[in-house]
Amino acid sequence: MRHNKKFNHLSRTASHRRAMLSNMATSLIMHKRINTTLAKAKALRKYIEPLITKSKLDTTHSRREVFSHLHNKYAVTELFQIISEKVGDRPGGYTRVIKTGFRAGDNAKTCFIELVDFDENMAKTAKKAKRTRRSRKASGEAAPEATSEAQAPATEAPTAETPAE
């Protein structure tokens, strides 16, 4: 029976799983997006979100705790200086997992996991989709175009009269 065994072992020993998640977390911090399988991405999300939460409080103790998980001082510096500034007001949910289909070799479910605040494409589409309902402003904006069209024939009319004279 598997009582109280909540996390995915990923068919690895504890030391291998710990090293793999540490390397994946370092790659995610450095590159802001990585491609992987769905099971590994879900395991990585549970691993890295507490580390990002610890990085919000920049103390020596929190840096040492995060370093004990990552084992890379450049990743720790990136996490505390750049990432923690962008996610300072976010209460959680720092990562996004987007499914990309199946791998050709073994038909494994693949996805990419990314840091939410560092995806410029999603930020651009979110700004465009602000207006979700129709309003009367659209018809009001069309009215000034109609007046400019009404003025245009008035200027054409004198030119049409001059050849007739």
Protein backbone atom coordinates (compact mmCIF):
# COMPACT_ATOMS: atom_id res chain seq x y z
CA MET A 1 0.00 0.00 0.00
CA ARG A 2 1.15 3.54 -0.60
CA HIS A 3 -0.24 5.47 2.35
CA ASN A 4 1.22 8.99 2.79
CA LYS A 5 3.39 8.72 -0.31
CA LYS A 6 2.19 11.78 -2.13
CA PHE A 7 5.01 12.75 -4.47
CA ASN A 8 5.99 11.06 -7.72
CA HIS A 9 9.14 8.94 -7.41
CA LEU A 10 9.71 9.15 -11.20
CA SER A 11 11.18 5.60 -11.23
CA ARG A 12 14.43 6.84 -9.67
CA THR A 13 16.30 6.47 -6.44
CA ALA A 14 16.09 9.28 -3.92
CA SER A 15 19.56 10.64 -4.68
CA HIS A 16 19.00 10.52 -8.45
CA ARG A 17 15.61 12.22 -8.13
CA ARG A 18 17.06 14.92 -5.84
CA ALA A 19 19.93 15.61 -8.27
CA MET A 20 17.63 15.65 -11.30
CA LEU A 21 15.18 18.09 -9.72
CA SER A 22 18.05 20.31 -8.59
CA ASN A 23 19.47 20.41 -12.13
CA MET A 24 16.05 21.06 -13.67
CA ALA A 25 15.34 23.85 -11.18
CA THR A 26 18.68 25.47 -11.98
CA SER A 27 17.93 25.26 -15.71
CA LEU A 28 14.49 26.75 -15.21
CA ILE A 29 15.89 29.65 -13.20
CA MET A 30 18.62 30.37 -15.73
CA HIS A 31 16.57 29.92 -18.93
CA LYS A 32 13.04 30.80 -17.65
CA ARG A 33 11.53 27.94 -19.74
CA ILE A 34 12.46 24.29 -20.28
CA ASN A 35 10.98 21.39 -22.23
CA THR A 36 10.41 18.15 -20.35
CA THR A 37 7.88 15.41 -19.72
CA LEU A 38 4.65 16.17 -17.93
CA ALA A 39 5.45 14.03 -14.87
CA LYS A 40 8.83 15.71 -14.39
CA ALA A 41 7.30 19.18 -14.83
CA LYS A 42 4.70 18.51 -12.15
CA ALA A 43 7.38 17.21 -9.78
CA LEU A 44 9.57 20.23 -10.57
CA ARG A 45 6.72 22.61 -9.84
CA LYS A 46 6.36 21.19 -6.32
CA TYR A 47 10.14 21.46 -5.89
CA ILE A 48 10.77 25.00 -7.13
CA GLU A 49 7.75 26.98 -5.92
CA PRO A 50 8.83 26.85 -2.23
CA LEU A 51 12.31 27.97 -3.30
CA ILE A 52 10.87 30.99 -5.11
CA THR A 53 8.78 31.81 -2.04
CA LYS A 54 11.92 31.67 0.12
CA SER A 55 13.69 34.01 -2.29
CA LYS A 56 11.21 36.81 -1.55
CA LEU A 57 12.91 37.31 1.81
CA ASP A 58 16.53 38.11 1.02
CA THR A 59 18.39 36.99 4.13
CA THR A 60 21.53 34.96 4.58
CA HIS A 61 19.52 32.09 6.02
CA SER A 62 17.12 31.92 3.08
CA ARG A 63 20.02 32.10 0.61
CA ARG A 64 21.73 29.20 2.35
CA GLU A 65 18.53 27.15 2.37
CA VAL A 66 18.00 27.71 -1.36
CA PHE A 67 21.66 26.98 -2.10
CA SER A 68 21.37 23.66 -0.27
CA HIS A 69 18.72 22.68 -2.84
CA LEU A 70 20.24 24.18 -6.01
CA HIS A 71 24.03 23.85 -5.52
CA ASN A 72 24.68 26.64 -8.04
CA LYS A 73 25.60 30.11 -6.82
CA TYR A 74 24.76 31.76 -10.16
CA ALA A 75 21.25 30.34 -10.08
CA VAL A 76 20.82 31.49 -6.48
CA THR A 77 21.96 35.01 -7.43
CA GLU A 78 19.58 35.06 -10.40
CA LEU A 79 16.73 33.84 -8.21
CA PHE A 80 17.24 36.40 -5.45
CA GLN A 81 18.07 39.43 -7.62
CA ILE A 82 15.91 39.13 -10.73
CA ILE A 83 13.15 36.60 -10.20
CA SER A 84 12.20 37.60 -6.65
CA GLU A 85 11.73 41.22 -7.76
CA LYS A 86 9.22 40.24 -10.44
CA VAL A 87 7.25 37.85 -8.25
CA GLY A 88 7.32 39.99 -5.12
CA ASP A 89 3.60 40.75 -5.14
CA ARG A 90 2.44 37.34 -6.44
CA PRO A 91 1.03 35.10 -3.67
CA GLY A 92 2.01 31.85 -5.39
CA GLY A 93 1.69 30.07 -8.71
CA TYR A 94 5.05 31.13 -10.11
CA THR A 95 5.22 28.47 -12.83
CA ARG A 96 3.06 27.49 -15.78
CA VAL A 97 2.95 24.03 -17.37
CA ILE A 98 1.77 23.92 -21.00
CA LYS A 99 1.29 20.57 -22.69
CA THR A 100 2.89 20.18 -26.12
CA GLY A 101 1.84 16.69 -27.20
CA PHE A 102 3.62 13.37 -27.26
CA ARG A 103 7.29 12.48 -27.79
CA ALA A 104 8.03 10.53 -30.97
CA GLY A 105 10.29 7.86 -29.46
CA ASP A 106 8.31 6.58 -26.49
CA ASN A 107 5.02 8.48 -26.78
CA ALA A 108 5.59 10.24 -23.44
CA LYS A 109 3.49 13.30 -22.70
CA THR A 110 5.69 16.36 -23.20
CA CYS A 111 5.27 19.94 -22.06
CA PHE A 112 7.23 23.01 -21.22
CA ILE A 113 7.36 24.60 -17.82
CA GLU A 114 8.05 28.31 -17.54
CA LEU A 115 8.13 31.11 -15.03
CA VAL A 116 4.87 33.04 -15.34
CA ASP A 117 6.20 36.60 -15.09
CA PHE A 118 8.91 36.06 -17.70
CA ASP A 119 6.76 35.10 -20.68
CA GLU A 120 6.49 38.16 -22.92
CA ASN A 121 4.14 36.45 -25.40
CA MET A 122 1.46 35.81 -22.78
CA ALA A 123 1.84 39.33 -21.42
CA LYS A 124 1.30 40.83 -24.90
CA THR A 125 -1.84 38.81 -25.56
CA ALA A 126 -3.23 39.66 -22.13
CA LYS A 127 -2.96 43.38 -22.89
CA LYS A 128 -4.82 43.00 -26.18
CA ALA A 129 -7.68 41.03 -24.63
CA LYS A 130 -8.73 43.70 -22.12
CA ARG A 131 -11.96 44.64 -23.89
CA THR A 132 -14.40 41.75 -23.76
CA ARG A 133 -17.81 43.29 -24.37
CA ARG A 134 -19.28 45.58 -26.93
CA SER A 135 -20.18 49.13 -26.14
CA ARG A 136 -21.67 52.13 -27.89
CA LYS A 137 -18.26 53.73 -28.26
CA ALA A 138 -17.66 51.74 -31.44
CA SER A 139 -20.65 53.39 -33.16
CA GLY A 140 -19.65 56.80 -31.75
CA GLU A 141 -16.17 56.41 -33.18
CA ALA A 142 -17.62 55.69 -36.61
CA ALA A 143 -19.51 59.00 -36.62
CA PRO A 144 -16.41 61.22 -37.02
CA GLU A 145 -15.38 59.13 -40.02
CA ALA A 146 -18.78 59.77 -41.60
CA THR A 147 -18.38 63.54 -41.16
CA SER A 148 -15.00 63.45 -42.84
CA GLU A 149 -16.56 61.56 -45.75
CA ALA A 150 -19.28 64.19 -45.94
CA GLN A 151 -16.65 66.91 -46.19
CA ALA A 152 -14.78 65.11 -48.93
CA PRO A 153 -17.60 65.23 -51.51
CA ALA A 154 -18.07 68.94 -50.80
CA THR A 155 -14.51 69.58 -51.93
CA GLU A 156 -15.01 67.40 -55.00
CA ALA A 157 -18.19 69.22 -56.03
CA PRO A 158 -16.51 72.54 -56.94
CA THR A 159 -13.98 70.72 -59.08
CA ALA A 160 -16.81 68.99 -60.90
CA GLU A 161 -18.53 72.37 -61.49
CA THR A 162 -15.47 74.06 -62.94
CA PRO A 163 -15.23 71.83 -66.03
CA ALA A 164 -18.96 72.31 -66.65
CA GLU A 165 -18.63 76.10 -66.88
